[in-house]
Amino acid sequence: SVLGNMVPIPFIILLFRPIVNWCLSTKYFKGIGQKLDEIANEKATK
């Protein structure tokens, strides 16, 4: 179960940021991307 739990982790780490960047570059998903970036910057400093 621990090994299975770890399988998607590298993919999430590698692909989530490009997905957020893609959201920021689109007209319809830009708000979602901005919100995620805002949360990221706020949480990252803490």
All heavy atoms as atom14 arrays in JSON, in Angstrom:
{
  "sequence": "SVLGNMVPIPFIILLFRPIVNWCLSTKYFKGIGQKLDEIANEKATK",
  "atom14_mask": [
    [1, 1, 1, 1, 1, 1, 0, 0, 0, 0, 0, 0, 0, 0],
    [1, 1, 1, 1, 1, 1, 1, 0, 0, 0, 0, 0, 0, 0],
    [1, 1, 1, 1, 1, 1, 1, 1, 0, 0, 0, 0, 0, 0],
    [1, 1, 1, 1, 0, 0, 0, 0, 0, 0, 0, 0, 0, 0],
    [1, 1, 1, 1, 1, 1, 1, 1, 0, 0, 0, 0, 0, 0],
    [1, 1, 1, 1, 1, 1, 1, 1, 0, 0, 0, 0, 0, 0],
    [1, 1, 1, 1, 1, 1, 1, 0, 0, 0, 0, 0, 0, 0],
    [1, 1, 1, 1, 1, 1, 1, 0, 0, 0, 0, 0, 0, 0],
    [1, 1, 1, 1, 1, 1, 1, 1, 0, 0, 0, 0, 0, 0],
    [1, 1, 1, 1, 1, 1, 1, 0, 0, 0, 0, 0, 0, 0],
    [1, 1, 1, 1, 1, 1, 1, 1, 1, 1, 1, 0, 0, 0],
    [1, 1, 1, 1, 1, 1, 1, 1, 0, 0, 0, 0, 0, 0],
    [1, 1, 1, 1, 1, 1, 1, 1, 0, 0, 0, 0, 0, 0],
    [1, 1, 1, 1, 1, 1, 1, 1, 0, 0, 0, 0, 0, 0],
    [1, 1, 1, 1, 1, 1, 1, 1, 0, 0, 0, 0, 0, 0],
    [1, 1, 1, 1, 1, 1, 1, 1, 1, 1, 1, 0, 0, 0],
    [1, 1, 1, 1, 1, 1, 1, 1, 1, 1, 1, 0, 0, 0],
    [1, 1, 1, 1, 1, 1, 1, 0, 0, 0, 0, 0, 0, 0],
    [1, 1, 1, 1, 1, 1, 1, 1, 0, 0, 0, 0, 0, 0],
    [1, 1, 1, 1, 1, 1, 1, 0, 0, 0, 0, 0, 0, 0],
    [1, 1, 1, 1, 1, 1, 1, 1, 0, 0, 0, 0, 0, 0],
    [1, 1, 1, 1, 1, 1, 1, 1, 1, 1, 1, 1, 1, 1],
    [1, 1, 1, 1, 1, 1, 0, 0, 0, 0, 0, 0, 0, 0],
    [1, 1, 1, 1, 1, 1, 1, 1, 0, 0, 0, 0, 0, 0],
    [1, 1, 1, 1, 1, 1, 0, 0, 0, 0, 0, 0, 0, 0],
    [1, 1, 1, 1, 1, 1, 1, 0, 0, 0, 0, 0, 0, 0],
    [1, 1, 1, 1, 1, 1, 1, 1, 1, 0, 0, 0, 0, 0],
    [1, 1, 1, 1, 1, 1, 1, 1, 1, 1, 1, 1, 0, 0],
    [1, 1, 1, 1, 1, 1, 1, 1, 1, 1, 1, 0, 0, 0],
    [1, 1, 1, 1, 1, 1, 1, 1, 1, 0, 0, 0, 0, 0],
    [1, 1, 1, 1, 0, 0, 0, 0, 0, 0, 0, 0, 0, 0],
    [1, 1, 1, 1, 1, 1, 1, 1, 0, 0, 0, 0, 0, 0],
    [1, 1, 1, 1, 0, 0, 0, 0, 0, 0, 0, 0, 0, 0],
    [1, 1, 1, 1, 1, 1, 1, 1, 1, 0, 0, 0, 0, 0],
    [1, 1, 1, 1, 1, 1, 1, 1, 1, 0, 0, 0, 0, 0],
    [1, 1, 1, 1, 1, 1, 1, 1, 0, 0, 0, 0, 0, 0],
    [1, 1, 1, 1, 1, 1, 1, 1, 0, 0, 0, 0, 0, 0],
    [1, 1, 1, 1, 1, 1, 1, 1, 1, 0, 0, 0, 0, 0],
    [1, 1, 1, 1, 1, 1, 1, 1, 0, 0, 0, 0, 0, 0],
    [1, 1, 1, 1, 1, 0, 0, 0, 0, 0, 0, 0, 0, 0],
    [1, 1, 1, 1, 1, 1, 1, 1, 0, 0, 0, 0, 0, 0],
    [1, 1, 1, 1, 1, 1, 1, 1, 1, 0, 0, 0, 0, 0],
    [1, 1, 1, 1, 1, 1, 1, 1, 1, 0, 0, 0, 0, 0],
    [1, 1, 1, 1, 1, 0, 0, 0, 0, 0, 0, 0, 0, 0],
    [1, 1, 1, 1, 1, 1, 1, 0, 0, 0, 0, 0, 0, 0],
    [1, 1, 1, 1, 1, 1, 1, 1, 1, 0, 0, 0, 0, 0]
  ],
  "atom14_positions": [
    [[0.82, -1.21, 0.0], [0.0, 0.0, 0.0], [0.86, 1.27, 0.0], [0.52, 2.24, -0.68], [-0.97, 0.0, 1.17], [-0.28, 0.08, 2.4], [0.0, 0.0, 0.0], [0.0, 0.0, 0.0], [0.0, 0.0, 0.0], [0.0, 0.0, 0.0], [0.0, 0.0, 0.0], [0.0, 0.0, 0.0], [0.0, 0.0, 0.0], [0.0, 0.0, 0.0]],
    [[1.97, 1.27, 0.72], [2.85, 2.45, 0.7], [3.46, 2.62, -0.69], [3.49, 3.74, -1.23], [3.94, 2.34, 1.79], [5.02, 3.4, 1.59], [3.33, 2.49, 3.18], [0.0, 0.0, 0.0], [0.0, 0.0, 0.0], [0.0, 0.0, 0.0], [0.0, 0.0, 0.0], [0.0, 0.0, 0.0], [0.0, 0.0, 0.0], [0.0, 0.0, 0.0]],
    [[3.91, 1.53, -1.3], [4.47, 1.63, -2.65], [3.43, 2.1, -3.66], [3.71, 2.96, -4.5], [5.07, 0.29, -3.09], [6.32, -0.16, -2.34], [6.74, -1.56, -2.79], [7.45, 0.83, -2.53], [0.0, 0.0, 0.0], [0.0, 0.0, 0.0], [0.0, 0.0, 0.0], [0.0, 0.0, 0.0], [0.0, 0.0, 0.0], [0.0, 0.0, 0.0]],
    [[2.23, 1.56, -3.57], [1.15, 1.99, -4.46], [0.8, 3.44, -4.26], [0.52, 4.18, -5.22], [0.0, 0.0, 0.0], [0.0, 0.0, 0.0], [0.0, 0.0, 0.0], [0.0, 0.0, 0.0], [0.0, 0.0, 0.0], [0.0, 0.0, 0.0], [0.0, 0.0, 0.0], [0.0, 0.0, 0.0], [0.0, 0.0, 0.0], [0.0, 0.0, 0.0]],
    [[0.8, 3.88, -3.01], [0.49, 5.28, -2.69], [1.51, 6.23, -3.3], [1.2, 7.36, -3.67], [0.43, 5.45, -1.18], [-0.28, 6.7, -0.73], [-0.41, 6.91, 0.46], [-0.77, 7.53, -1.61], [0.0, 0.0, 0.0], [0.0, 0.0, 0.0], [0.0, 0.0, 0.0], [0.0, 0.0, 0.0], [0.0, 0.0, 0.0], [0.0, 0.0, 0.0]],
    [[2.75, 5.77, -3.43], [3.82, 6.64, -3.94], [3.86, 6.72, -5.48], [4.48, 7.63, -6.02], [5.17, 6.16, -3.42], [5.34, 6.32, -1.91], [5.08, 8.01, -1.32], [6.46, 8.83, -2.1], [0.0, 0.0, 0.0], [0.0, 0.0, 0.0], [0.0, 0.0, 0.0], [0.0, 0.0, 0.0], [0.0, 0.0, 0.0], [0.0, 0.0, 0.0]],
    [[3.19, 5.82, -6.18], [3.26, 5.8, -7.65], [2.81, 7.13, -8.28], [3.52, 7.67, -9.13], [2.47, 4.61, -8.23], [2.24, 4.76, -9.72], [3.19, 3.31, -7.92], [0.0, 0.0, 0.0], [0.0, 0.0, 0.0], [0.0, 0.0, 0.0], [0.0, 0.0, 0.0], [0.0, 0.0, 0.0], [0.0, 0.0, 0.0], [0.0, 0.0, 0.0]],
    [[1.67, 7.71, -7.89], [1.27, 8.96, -8.57], [2.03, 10.2, -8.13], [1.95, 11.24, -8.79], [-0.22, 9.09, -8.22], [-0.42, 8.29, -7.0], [0.62, 7.21, -7.02], [0.0, 0.0, 0.0], [0.0, 0.0, 0.0], [0.0, 0.0, 0.0], [0.0, 0.0, 0.0], [0.0, 0.0, 0.0], [0.0, 0.0, 0.0], [0.0, 0.0, 0.0]],
    [[2.79, 10.13, -7.05], [3.41, 11.32, -6.47], [4.38, 12.02, -7.42], [4.27, 13.24, -7.61], [4.09, 10.97, -5.12], [3.08, 10.33, -4.16], [4.75, 12.19, -4.51], [1.78, 11.06, -4.0], [0.0, 0.0, 0.0], [0.0, 0.0, 0.0], [0.0, 0.0, 0.0], [0.0, 0.0, 0.0], [0.0, 0.0, 0.0], [0.0, 0.0, 0.0]],
    [[5.33, 11.33, -8.05], [6.22, 12.04, -8.97], [5.48, 12.72, -10.12], [5.83, 13.81, -10.54], [7.17, 10.96, -9.5], [7.03, 9.82, -8.58], [5.7, 9.93, -7.93], [0.0, 0.0, 0.0], [0.0, 0.0, 0.0], [0.0, 0.0, 0.0], [0.0, 0.0, 0.0], [0.0, 0.0, 0.0], [0.0, 0.0, 0.0], [0.0, 0.0, 0.0]],
    [[4.42, 12.06, -10.62], [3.65, 12.64, -11.71], [2.94, 13.91, -11.27], [2.88, 14.89, -12.02], [2.65, 11.61, -12.26], [3.3, 10.39, -12.81], [3.3, 9.2, -12.09], [3.95, 10.42, -14.04], [3.92, 8.06, -12.59], [4.57, 9.3, -14.55], [4.56, 8.12, -13.82], [0.0, 0.0, 0.0], [0.0, 0.0, 0.0], [0.0, 0.0, 0.0]],
    [[2.39, 13.89, -10.07], [1.72, 15.08, -9.54], [2.72, 16.22, -9.39], [2.46, 17.35, -9.82], [1.02, 14.77, -8.19], [-0.14, 13.8, -8.42], [0.54, 16.06, -7.53], [-0.72, 13.23, -7.15], [0.0, 0.0, 0.0], [0.0, 0.0, 0.0], [0.0, 0.0, 0.0], [0.0, 0.0, 0.0], [0.0, 0.0, 0.0], [0.0, 0.0, 0.0]],
    [[3.87, 15.92, -8.81], [4.87, 16.96, -8.59], [5.36, 17.53, -9.92], [5.54, 18.74, -10.06], [6.05, 16.41, -7.75], [5.58, 16.09, -6.33], [7.22, 17.41, -7.72], [6.61, 15.37, -5.48], [0.0, 0.0, 0.0], [0.0, 0.0, 0.0], [0.0, 0.0, 0.0], [0.0, 0.0, 0.0], [0.0, 0.0, 0.0], [0.0, 0.0, 0.0]],
    [[5.55, 16.67, -10.9], [6.08, 17.14, -12.19], [5.03, 17.82, -13.08], [5.36, 18.71, -13.85], [6.72, 15.98, -12.95], [7.98, 15.39, -12.32], [8.4, 14.13, -13.06], [9.1, 16.42, -12.29], [0.0, 0.0, 0.0], [0.0, 0.0, 0.0], [0.0, 0.0, 0.0], [0.0, 0.0, 0.0], [0.0, 0.0, 0.0], [0.0, 0.0, 0.0]],
    [[3.77, 17.42, -12.96], [2.76, 17.91, -13.9], [1.86, 19.02, -13.36], [1.24, 19.75, -14.15], [1.89, 16.74, -14.4], [2.63, 15.69, -15.2], [1.7, 14.54, -15.54], [3.22, 16.28, -16.46], [0.0, 0.0, 0.0], [0.0, 0.0, 0.0], [0.0, 0.0, 0.0], [0.0, 0.0, 0.0], [0.0, 0.0, 0.0], [0.0, 0.0, 0.0]],
    [[1.75, 19.15, -12.06], [0.8, 20.12, -11.51], [1.19, 21.55, -11.87], [0.35, 22.34, -12.28], [0.69, 19.96, -9.99], [-0.35, 20.86, -9.39], [-1.69, 20.62, -9.6], [0.01, 21.96, -8.62], [-2.66, 21.45, -9.06], [-0.94, 22.8, -8.07], [-2.28, 22.54, -8.3], [0.0, 0.0, 0.0], [0.0, 0.0, 0.0], [0.0, 0.0, 0.0]],
    [[2.46, 21.91, -11.75], [2.9, 23.28, -12.07], [2.64, 23.62, -13.54], [2.11, 24.69, -13.83], [4.37, 23.46, -11.68], [4.99, 24.79, -12.01], [4.28, 26.03, -11.52], [3.97, 26.09, -10.12], [3.18, 27.03, -9.59], [2.68, 27.98, -10.35], [2.88, 27.02, -8.32], [0.0, 0.0, 0.0], [0.0, 0.0, 0.0], [0.0, 0.0, 0.0]],
    [[2.97, 22.72, -14.5], [2.63, 23.06, -15.9], [1.13, 23.23, -16.12], [0.72, 24.06, -16.93], [3.17, 21.87, -16.7], [4.27, 21.32, -15.85], [3.82, 21.53, -14.43], [0.0, 0.0, 0.0], [0.0, 0.0, 0.0], [0.0, 0.0, 0.0], [0.0, 0.0, 0.0], [0.0, 0.0, 0.0], [0.0, 0.0, 0.0], [0.0, 0.0, 0.0]],
    [[0.33, 22.48, -15.4], [-1.12, 22.64, -15.53], [-1.56, 24.01, -15.02], [-2.38, 24.69, -15.64], [-1.86, 21.49, -14.8], [-1.64, 20.17, -15.56], [-3.36, 21.79, -14.67], [-2.11, 18.94, -14.84], [0.0, 0.0, 0.0], [0.0, 0.0, 0.0], [0.0, 0.0, 0.0], [0.0, 0.0, 0.0], [0.0, 0.0, 0.0], [0.0, 0.0, 0.0]],
    [[-1.01, 24.43, -13.88], [-1.31, 25.77, -13.35], [-0.87, 26.83, -14.34], [-1.61, 27.79, -14.62], [-0.66, 25.99, -11.96], [-0.76, 27.44, -11.53], [-1.28, 25.08, -10.92], [0.0, 0.0, 0.0], [0.0, 0.0, 0.0], [0.0, 0.0, 0.0], [0.0, 0.0, 0.0], [0.0, 0.0, 0.0], [0.0, 0.0, 0.0], [0.0, 0.0, 0.0]],
    [[0.32, 26.68, -14.89], [0.82, 27.65, -15.89], [-0.07, 27.69, -17.12], [-0.33, 28.75, -17.68], [2.26, 27.33, -16.28], [3.22, 27.6, -15.14], [2.93, 28.35, -14.21], [4.37, 26.98, -15.2], [0.0, 0.0, 0.0], [0.0, 0.0, 0.0], [0.0, 0.0, 0.0], [0.0, 0.0, 0.0], [0.0, 0.0, 0.0], [0.0, 0.0, 0.0]],
    [[-0.56, 26.53, -17.53], [-1.49, 26.48, -18.66], [-2.78, 27.23, -18.32], [-3.3, 27.98, -19.14], [-1.78, 25.03, -19.05], [-2.81, 24.94, -20.14], [-2.61, 25.09, -21.47], [-4.21, 24.69, -19.96], [-3.8, 24.95, -22.15], [-4.8, 24.71, -21.24], [-5.01, 24.46, -18.85], [-6.16, 24.49, -21.44], [-6.36, 24.25, -19.05], [-6.93, 24.27, -20.33]],
    [[-3.29, 27.01, -17.11], [-4.49, 27.73, -16.67], [-4.28, 29.24, -16.76], [-5.17, 29.98, -17.18], [-4.87, 27.33, -15.24], [-5.58, 25.69, -15.09], [0.0, 0.0, 0.0], [0.0, 0.0, 0.0], [0.0, 0.0, 0.0], [0.0, 0.0, 0.0], [0.0, 0.0, 0.0], [0.0, 0.0, 0.0], [0.0, 0.0, 0.0], [0.0, 0.0, 0.0]],
    [[-3.11, 29.68, -16.33], [-2.8, 31.11, -16.37], [-2.76, 31.66, -17.79], [-3.03, 32.85, -18.02], [-1.47, 31.39, -15.67], [-1.46, 31.24, -14.15], [-0.04, 31.29, -13.62], [-2.33, 32.3, -13.5], [0.0, 0.0, 0.0], [0.0, 0.0, 0.0], [0.0, 0.0, 0.0], [0.0, 0.0, 0.0], [0.0, 0.0, 0.0], [0.0, 0.0, 0.0]],
    [[-2.44, 30.79, -18.74], [-2.31, 31.25, -20.13], [-3.62, 31.2, -20.91], [-3.66, 31.64, -22.06], [-1.25, 30.43, -20.86], [-1.72, 29.11, -21.07], [0.0, 0.0, 0.0], [0.0, 0.0, 0.0], [0.0, 0.0, 0.0], [0.0, 0.0, 0.0], [0.0, 0.0, 0.0], [0.0, 0.0, 0.0], [0.0, 0.0, 0.0], [0.0, 0.0, 0.0]],
    [[-4.68, 30.68, -20.32], [-5.96, 30.57, -21.02], [-6.93, 31.63, -20.54], [-6.8, 32.16, -19.43], [-6.6, 29.18, -20.82], [-6.92, 29.02, -19.45], [-5.69, 28.08, -21.3], [0.0, 0.0, 0.0], [0.0, 0.0, 0.0], [0.0, 0.0, 0.0], [0.0, 0.0, 0.0], [0.0, 0.0, 0.0], [0.0, 0.0, 0.0], [0.0, 0.0, 0.0]],
    [[-7.89, 31.91, -21.35], [-8.9, 32.92, -21.02], [-9.87, 32.41, -19.95], [-10.19, 33.12, -18.99], [-9.67, 33.28, -22.29], [-10.75, 34.3, -22.1], [-11.45, 34.58, -23.43], [-12.61, 35.54, -23.24], [-13.29, 35.81, -24.5], [0.0, 0.0, 0.0], [0.0, 0.0, 0.0], [0.0, 0.0, 0.0], [0.0, 0.0, 0.0], [0.0, 0.0, 0.0]],
    [[-10.32, 31.17, -20.08], [-11.36, 30.65, -19.2], [-10.85, 30.13, -17.85], [-11.59, 30.12, -16.88], [-12.14, 29.55, -19.93], [-12.85, 30.07, -21.14], [-12.4, 29.76, -22.42], [-13.96, 30.89, -21.03], [-13.04, 30.24, -23.55], [-14.61, 31.39, -22.14], [-14.15, 31.06, -23.4], [-14.77, 31.55, -24.51], [0.0, 0.0, 0.0], [0.0, 0.0, 0.0]],
    [[-9.62, 29.69, -17.8], [-9.09, 29.11, -16.57], [-8.08, 30.01, -15.87], [-7.46, 29.6, -14.89], [-8.45, 27.74, -16.86], [-9.43, 26.74, -17.38], [-9.39, 26.36, -18.72], [-10.39, 26.18, -16.56], [-10.29, 25.43, -19.22], [-11.3, 25.26, -17.05], [-11.25, 24.88, -18.38], [0.0, 0.0, 0.0], [0.0, 0.0, 0.0], [0.0, 0.0, 0.0]],
    [[-7.92, 31.21, -16.36], [-6.94, 32.14, -15.8], [-7.24, 32.44, -14.32], [-6.33, 32.5, -13.5], [-6.89, 33.43, -16.61], [-5.77, 34.35, -16.21], [-5.66, 35.53, -17.14], [-4.43, 36.33, -16.79], [-4.17, 37.37, -17.78], [0.0, 0.0, 0.0], [0.0, 0.0, 0.0], [0.0, 0.0, 0.0], [0.0, 0.0, 0.0], [0.0, 0.0, 0.0]],
    [[-8.49, 32.6, -13.98], [-8.88, 32.88, -12.59], [-8.49, 31.75, -11.65], [-8.01, 31.99, -10.53], [0.0, 0.0, 0.0], [0.0, 0.0, 0.0], [0.0, 0.0, 0.0], [0.0, 0.0, 0.0], [0.0, 0.0, 0.0], [0.0, 0.0, 0.0], [0.0, 0.0, 0.0], [0.0, 0.0, 0.0], [0.0, 0.0, 0.0], [0.0, 0.0, 0.0]],
    [[-8.66, 30.53, -12.11], [-8.27, 29.37, -11.29], [-6.76, 29.36, -11.1], [-6.26, 29.16, -9.99], [-8.75, 28.06, -11.95], [-10.27, 27.99, -11.94], [-8.16, 26.84, -11.24], [-10.85, 26.86, -12.76], [0.0, 0.0, 0.0], [0.0, 0.0, 0.0], [0.0, 0.0, 0.0], [0.0, 0.0, 0.0], [0.0, 0.0, 0.0], [0.0, 0.0, 0.0]],
    [[-6.03, 29.59, -12.2], [-4.58, 29.63, -12.12], [-4.08, 30.73, -11.2], [-3.16, 30.52, -10.41], [0.0, 0.0, 0.0], [0.0, 0.0, 0.0], [0.0, 0.0, 0.0], [0.0, 0.0, 0.0], [0.0, 0.0, 0.0], [0.0, 0.0, 0.0], [0.0, 0.0, 0.0], [0.0, 0.0, 0.0], [0.0, 0.0, 0.0], [0.0, 0.0, 0.0]],
    [[-4.71, 31.91, -11.26], [-4.32, 33.01, -10.39], [-4.6, 32.68, -8.93], [-3.79, 32.99, -8.05], [-5.05, 34.29, -10.8], [-4.56, 34.88, -12.09], [-5.41, 36.04, -12.56], [-6.58, 36.16, -12.23], [-4.8, 36.91, -13.37], [0.0, 0.0, 0.0], [0.0, 0.0, 0.0], [0.0, 0.0, 0.0], [0.0, 0.0, 0.0], [0.0, 0.0, 0.0]],
    [[-5.72, 32.07, -8.67], [-6.07, 31.7, -7.29], [-5.07, 30.68, -6.75], [-4.61, 30.79, -5.61], [-7.5, 31.15, -7.24], [-8.01, 30.89, -5.86], [-8.17, 32.18, -5.09], [-8.78, 31.91, -3.73], [-8.75, 33.06, -2.86], [0.0, 0.0, 0.0], [0.0, 0.0, 0.0], [0.0, 0.0, 0.0], [0.0, 0.0, 0.0], [0.0, 0.0, 0.0]],
    [[-4.73, 29.7, -7.56], [-3.75, 28.7, -7.14], [-2.39, 29.33, -6.89], [-1.71, 29.0, -5.91], [-3.63, 27.58, -8.17], [-4.81, 26.62, -8.27], [-4.66, 25.7, -9.46], [-4.98, 25.83, -6.99], [0.0, 0.0, 0.0], [0.0, 0.0, 0.0], [0.0, 0.0, 0.0], [0.0, 0.0, 0.0], [0.0, 0.0, 0.0], [0.0, 0.0, 0.0]],
    [[-2.0, 30.25, -7.76], [-0.72, 30.95, -7.58], [-0.73, 31.81, -6.31], [0.25, 31.86, -5.58], [-0.41, 31.82, -8.79], [0.79, 31.33, -9.56], [1.36, 30.29, -9.19], [1.17, 32.01, -10.53], [0.0, 0.0, 0.0], [0.0, 0.0, 0.0], [0.0, 0.0, 0.0], [0.0, 0.0, 0.0], [0.0, 0.0, 0.0], [0.0, 0.0, 0.0]],
    [[-1.85, 32.48, -6.07], [-1.98, 33.31, -4.87], [-1.85, 32.47, -3.61], [-1.11, 32.82, -2.69], [-3.34, 34.01, -4.91], [-3.66, 34.88, -3.72], [-5.08, 35.43, -3.82], [-5.44, 35.98, -4.87], [-5.82, 35.3, -2.82], [0.0, 0.0, 0.0], [0.0, 0.0, 0.0], [0.0, 0.0, 0.0], [0.0, 0.0, 0.0], [0.0, 0.0, 0.0]],
    [[-2.56, 31.36, -3.58], [-2.48, 30.44, -2.44], [-1.06, 29.91, -2.29], [-0.52, 29.82, -1.19], [-3.49, 29.28, -2.6], [-4.92, 29.81, -2.5], [-3.25, 28.19, -1.56], [-5.98, 28.8, -2.92], [0.0, 0.0, 0.0], [0.0, 0.0, 0.0], [0.0, 0.0, 0.0], [0.0, 0.0, 0.0], [0.0, 0.0, 0.0], [0.0, 0.0, 0.0]],
    [[-0.44, 29.57, -3.42], [0.92, 29.03, -3.4], [1.89, 30.01, -2.78], [2.69, 29.65, -1.91], [1.36, 28.69, -4.82], [0.0, 0.0, 0.0], [0.0, 0.0, 0.0], [0.0, 0.0, 0.0], [0.0, 0.0, 0.0], [0.0, 0.0, 0.0], [0.0, 0.0, 0.0], [0.0, 0.0, 0.0], [0.0, 0.0, 0.0], [0.0, 0.0, 0.0]],
    [[1.84, 31.25, -3.22], [2.78, 32.25, -2.7], [2.54, 32.52, -1.21], [3.48, 32.7, -0.45], [2.67, 33.55, -3.5], [3.18, 33.36, -4.91], [4.05, 32.54, -5.16], [2.63, 34.12, -5.84], [0.0, 0.0, 0.0], [0.0, 0.0, 0.0], [0.0, 0.0, 0.0], [0.0, 0.0, 0.0], [0.0, 0.0, 0.0], [0.0, 0.0, 0.0]],
    [[1.29, 32.51, -0.82], [0.95, 32.75, 0.59], [1.45, 31.61, 1.48], [2.06, 31.83, 2.52], [-0.58, 32.88, 0.71], [-1.08, 33.29, 2.06], [-2.59, 33.44, 2.03], [-3.1, 34.21, 1.19], [-3.26, 32.77, 2.84], [0.0, 0.0, 0.0], [0.0, 0.0, 0.0], [0.0, 0.0, 0.0], [0.0, 0.0, 0.0], [0.0, 0.0, 0.0]],
    [[1.17, 30.37, 1.06], [1.57, 29.2, 1.84], [3.07, 28.95, 1.77], [3.66, 28.46, 2.72], [0.81, 27.95, 1.37], [-0.68, 28.05, 1.47], [-1.15, 28.03, 2.88], [-2.66, 28.11, 2.93], [-3.16, 28.24, 4.27], [0.0, 0.0, 0.0], [0.0, 0.0, 0.0], [0.0, 0.0, 0.0], [0.0, 0.0, 0.0], [0.0, 0.0, 0.0]],
    [[3.67, 29.26, 0.64], [5.08, 28.96, 0.44], [5.95, 29.7, 1.44], [6.88, 29.13, 1.99], [5.51, 29.31, -0.98], [0.0, 0.0, 0.0], [0.0, 0.0, 0.0], [0.0, 0.0, 0.0], [0.0, 0.0, 0.0], [0.0, 0.0, 0.0], [0.0, 0.0, 0.0], [0.0, 0.0, 0.0], [0.0, 0.0, 0.0], [0.0, 0.0, 0.0]],
    [[5.63, 30.95, 1.71], [6.45, 31.71, 2.66], [6.35, 31.13, 4.06], [7.34, 31.08, 4.78], [6.06, 33.2, 2.67], [4.67, 33.31, 2.93], [6.38, 33.86, 1.35], [0.0, 0.0, 0.0], [0.0, 0.0, 0.0], [0.0, 0.0, 0.0], [0.0, 0.0, 0.0], [0.0, 0.0, 0.0], [0.0, 0.0, 0.0], [0.0, 0.0, 0.0]],
    [[5.17, 30.68, 4.44], [4.99, 30.09, 5.78], [5.68, 28.73, 5.89], [6.38, 28.46, 6.84], [3.5, 29.94, 6.1], [2.78, 31.24, 6.27], [1.31, 31.01, 6.51], [0.55, 32.32, 6.56], [-0.89, 32.11, 6.68], [0.0, 0.0, 0.0], [0.0, 0.0, 0.0], [0.0, 0.0, 0.0], [0.0, 0.0, 0.0], [0.0, 0.0, 0.0]]
  ]
}
